[in-house]
Protein backbone atom coordinates (compact mmCIF):
# COMPACT_ATOMS: atom_id res chain seq x y z
CA MET A 1 249.48 119.59 94.20
CA ASP A 2 253.03 118.26 94.41
CA LYS A 3 252.45 115.00 96.30
CA THR A 4 256.16 114.29 96.67
CA GLN A 5 256.88 117.64 98.30
CA PHE A 6 253.80 117.35 100.51
CA GLN A 7 254.93 113.88 101.63
CA LYS A 8 258.40 115.25 102.43
CA GLU A 9 256.84 117.94 104.60
CA LEU A 10 254.70 115.38 106.40
CA ASP A 11 257.70 113.07 106.87
CA ALA A 12 259.58 116.01 108.39
CA VAL A 13 256.79 116.37 110.96
CA ILE A 14 257.17 112.68 111.89
CA GLU A 15 260.95 113.03 112.20
CA TRP A 16 260.54 116.12 114.36
CA LEU A 17 258.26 114.23 116.75
CA LYS A 18 260.71 111.32 116.92
CA ARG A 19 263.52 113.72 117.88
CA GLU A 20 261.31 115.44 120.45
CA PHE A 21 260.34 112.11 122.00
CA GLN A 22 264.03 111.18 122.27
CA THR A 23 264.57 114.14 124.56
CA ILE A 24 261.83 113.01 126.96
CA ARG A 25 263.59 111.08 129.67
CA THR A 26 262.27 107.70 130.65
CA GLY A 27 263.69 105.18 133.09
CA GLN A 28 265.93 103.72 130.38
CA ALA A 29 269.37 105.06 129.54
CA THR A 30 269.23 106.51 126.01
CA PRO A 31 272.02 108.63 124.47
CA GLY A 32 269.43 110.60 122.46
CA ILE A 33 268.47 112.57 125.56
CA LEU A 34 271.86 114.33 125.39
CA ASP A 35 271.46 115.41 121.74
CA GLY A 36 270.62 119.02 122.55
CA ILE A 37 273.47 119.54 125.02
CA THR A 38 276.25 121.95 124.03
CA ILE A 39 279.43 122.75 125.92
CA ASN A 40 281.88 125.59 125.82
CA ALA A 41 284.83 123.95 124.04
CA TYR A 42 287.80 126.07 123.04
CA GLY A 43 285.78 129.28 123.18
CA ALA A 44 282.79 128.11 121.14
CA GLU A 45 279.49 126.43 121.95
CA THR A 46 279.92 122.91 120.58
CA PRO A 47 277.45 119.99 120.55
CA LEU A 48 278.40 117.36 123.11
CA MET A 49 278.40 114.70 120.39
CA GLN A 50 281.36 116.47 118.72
CA VAL A 51 283.61 116.52 121.79
CA ALA A 52 282.83 113.17 123.40
CA THR A 53 281.58 109.66 122.82
CA ILE A 54 278.42 108.63 124.59
CA GLY A 55 277.96 104.99 125.47
CA VAL A 56 275.30 103.02 127.26
CA GLU A 57 276.89 101.59 130.38
CA GLY A 58 273.85 99.73 131.67
CA ALA A 59 270.09 99.90 131.71
CA LYS A 60 270.18 103.02 133.88
CA SER A 61 273.44 104.80 133.01
CA LEU A 62 275.47 106.37 130.23
CA ILE A 63 279.16 107.18 130.14
CA VAL A 64 280.31 110.35 128.40
CA SER A 65 283.98 110.06 127.44
CA PRO A 66 285.48 113.32 126.15
CA TYR A 67 288.20 113.20 123.52
CA ASP A 68 290.07 115.78 125.59
CA LYS A 69 290.09 114.77 129.28
CA ASN A 70 290.47 118.45 130.26
CA GLN A 71 286.83 119.00 129.26
CA VAL A 72 285.33 116.69 131.90
CA LYS A 73 284.42 119.60 134.22
CA GLU A 74 282.89 121.59 131.34
CA ILE A 75 280.79 118.57 130.27
CA GLU A 76 279.73 117.97 133.87
CA LYS A 77 278.65 121.62 134.15
CA ALA A 78 276.69 121.52 130.87
CA LEU A 79 274.86 118.35 131.87
CA THR A 80 274.00 119.77 135.28
CA ASP A 81 272.82 123.07 133.76
CA ALA A 82 270.58 121.18 131.29
CA ASN A 83 268.43 120.15 134.28
CA LEU A 84 267.31 116.84 132.76
CA GLY A 85 266.58 115.25 136.12
CA LEU A 86 269.59 112.97 135.82
CA SER A 87 272.38 112.29 138.30
CA ILE A 88 275.77 113.47 137.04
CA VAL A 89 278.98 111.98 138.44
CA GLY A 90 282.39 113.12 137.20
CA THR A 91 285.21 110.58 137.01
CA ASP A 92 288.80 110.88 135.86
CA LYS A 93 287.86 109.29 132.51
CA GLY A 94 284.58 111.05 131.83
CA VAL A 95 281.13 111.69 133.18
CA ARG A 96 278.64 109.06 134.28
CA VAL A 97 274.98 109.97 133.71
CA ILE A 98 272.60 107.97 135.91
CA PHE A 99 268.89 107.70 135.16
CA PRO A 100 266.95 107.52 138.43
CA ASP A 101 263.70 105.57 138.62
CA LEU A 102 260.66 107.59 137.63
CA THR A 103 258.07 108.45 140.24
CA SER A 104 254.40 108.07 139.32
CA GLU A 105 254.09 111.86 139.50
CA ARG A 106 256.98 112.27 137.04
CA ARG A 107 255.48 109.65 134.70
CA VAL A 108 252.20 111.60 134.56
CA MET A 109 254.12 114.79 133.78
CA LEU A 110 256.12 113.05 131.01
CA MET A 111 252.95 111.60 129.49
CA LYS A 112 251.43 115.08 129.44
CA LEU A 113 254.59 116.46 127.80
CA ALA A 114 254.50 113.69 125.17
CA LYS A 115 250.87 114.52 124.37
CA GLU A 116 251.77 118.22 124.01
CA LYS A 117 254.53 117.30 121.55
CA LEU A 118 252.05 115.14 119.63
CA GLU A 119 249.62 118.06 119.41
CA GLN A 120 252.40 120.33 118.11
CA ALA A 121 253.14 117.75 115.41
CA ARG A 122 249.45 117.53 114.50
CA VAL A 123 249.27 121.33 114.21
CA SER A 124 252.28 121.26 111.87
CA ALA A 125 250.63 118.59 109.72
CA ARG A 126 247.41 120.64 109.60
CA LYS A 127 249.36 123.74 108.53
CA GLU A 128 250.93 121.77 105.70
CA ARG A 129 247.51 120.43 104.71
CA ASP A 130 246.01 123.92 104.73
CA HIS A 131 248.89 125.24 102.63
CA VAL A 132 248.41 122.52 100.02
CA TRP A 133 244.63 123.00 100.07
CA ASN A 134 245.10 126.71 99.33
CA ILE A 135 247.33 125.82 96.39
CA ILE A 136 244.74 123.36 95.05
CA GLN A 137 241.96 125.96 95.33
CA GLU A 138 244.13 128.57 93.63
CA GLN A 139 244.84 126.15 90.78
CA GLU A 140 241.10 125.65 90.30
CA LYS A 141 240.47 129.42 90.27
CA LEU A 142 243.15 129.86 87.63
CA GLY A 143 241.59 127.12 85.52
CA GLU A 144 244.62 124.84 85.82
CA ILE A 145 242.51 122.01 87.26
CA SER A 146 238.82 121.12 87.14
CA GLU A 147 236.42 120.91 90.07
CA ASP A 148 236.55 117.10 89.88
CA GLU A 149 240.34 117.20 89.96
CA ARG A 150 240.19 119.51 93.00
CA PHE A 151 238.04 116.98 94.88
CA ALA A 152 240.31 114.12 93.82
CA GLN A 153 243.42 115.96 95.02
CA LYS A 154 241.69 116.90 98.26
CA GLU A 155 240.89 113.24 98.91
CA ILE A 156 244.49 112.22 98.22
CA MET A 157 245.73 114.99 100.52
CA GLU A 158 243.33 114.02 103.32
CA ASN A 159 244.39 110.36 103.07
CA MET A 160 248.05 111.37 103.31
CA VAL A 161 247.34 113.44 106.42
CA LYS A 162 245.28 110.62 107.94
CA THR A 163 248.21 108.21 107.42
CA VAL A 164 250.62 110.64 109.08
CA ASN A 165 248.27 111.17 112.03
CA THR A 166 248.14 107.39 112.51
CA LYS A 167 251.95 107.25 112.53
CA LEU A 168 252.08 110.11 115.03
CA GLU A 169 249.59 108.29 117.29
CA ASP A 170 251.70 105.12 117.06
CA LEU A 171 254.78 107.08 118.13
CA LEU A 172 252.86 108.43 121.13
CA LYS A 173 251.65 104.95 122.13
CA SER A 174 255.21 103.67 121.93
CA LYS A 175 256.51 106.56 124.04
CA GLU A 176 253.74 106.14 126.61
CA GLN A 177 254.60 102.46 126.90
CA GLU A 178 258.26 103.36 127.38
CA ILE A 179 257.37 105.90 130.09
CA SER A 180 255.10 103.50 131.96
CA GLN A 181 257.72 100.72 132.23
C-alpha cells in the first residue's frame, strides 16, 4: 500500500467537499458561490473570475467589477441564469449580488443538500479504501506481503479513513452552523 498516494486521494475528497460547500449559499456574502459561473466573453465560455474582480461589499452583498465594462450585461445574464437564489442588480460599474435572508424552509433544504454532499464524499473515501484494500489483498496473494502485514496495512488504512471521515463531519458541522445563522 502506498500510504502517501492514498492520503493524497483522501485529501482530494476533503478538498472536493470544501469546494462543494462553498457553492451552497448561506445568508453571508461569499465570493466562492460564484466560482462555477462562466460567461460568454469574446466568443468563448470564460470563468467569471477571469473577466472580473469579485469583492465583498457588505455582510449581504458582493460587487462584481468586470475588467471590460461592456460585459456587465453578459455577467448579469450569467448570474441570473445560474439561478442561485440571489438578487442581481446591474450598475454602470458592475453587478451587485445581494444575498437575501434565508427562510427556515430554505435552511432545511440547504442542510439536506449539505448532508447529500457529505455522503458523496464518504462514498468517494470508501471507494478509495476499497481500491487500496484490493491492492493489499492482491499483494498477499502474490506473496509480496505476509498475512500479518496485510492486517497491519488494513489497520493503517482504516485509521486513515476514520480520520478523513472525522474531518468531513467537522466540515458538515461548520456548514450547518453557517446555514443556521
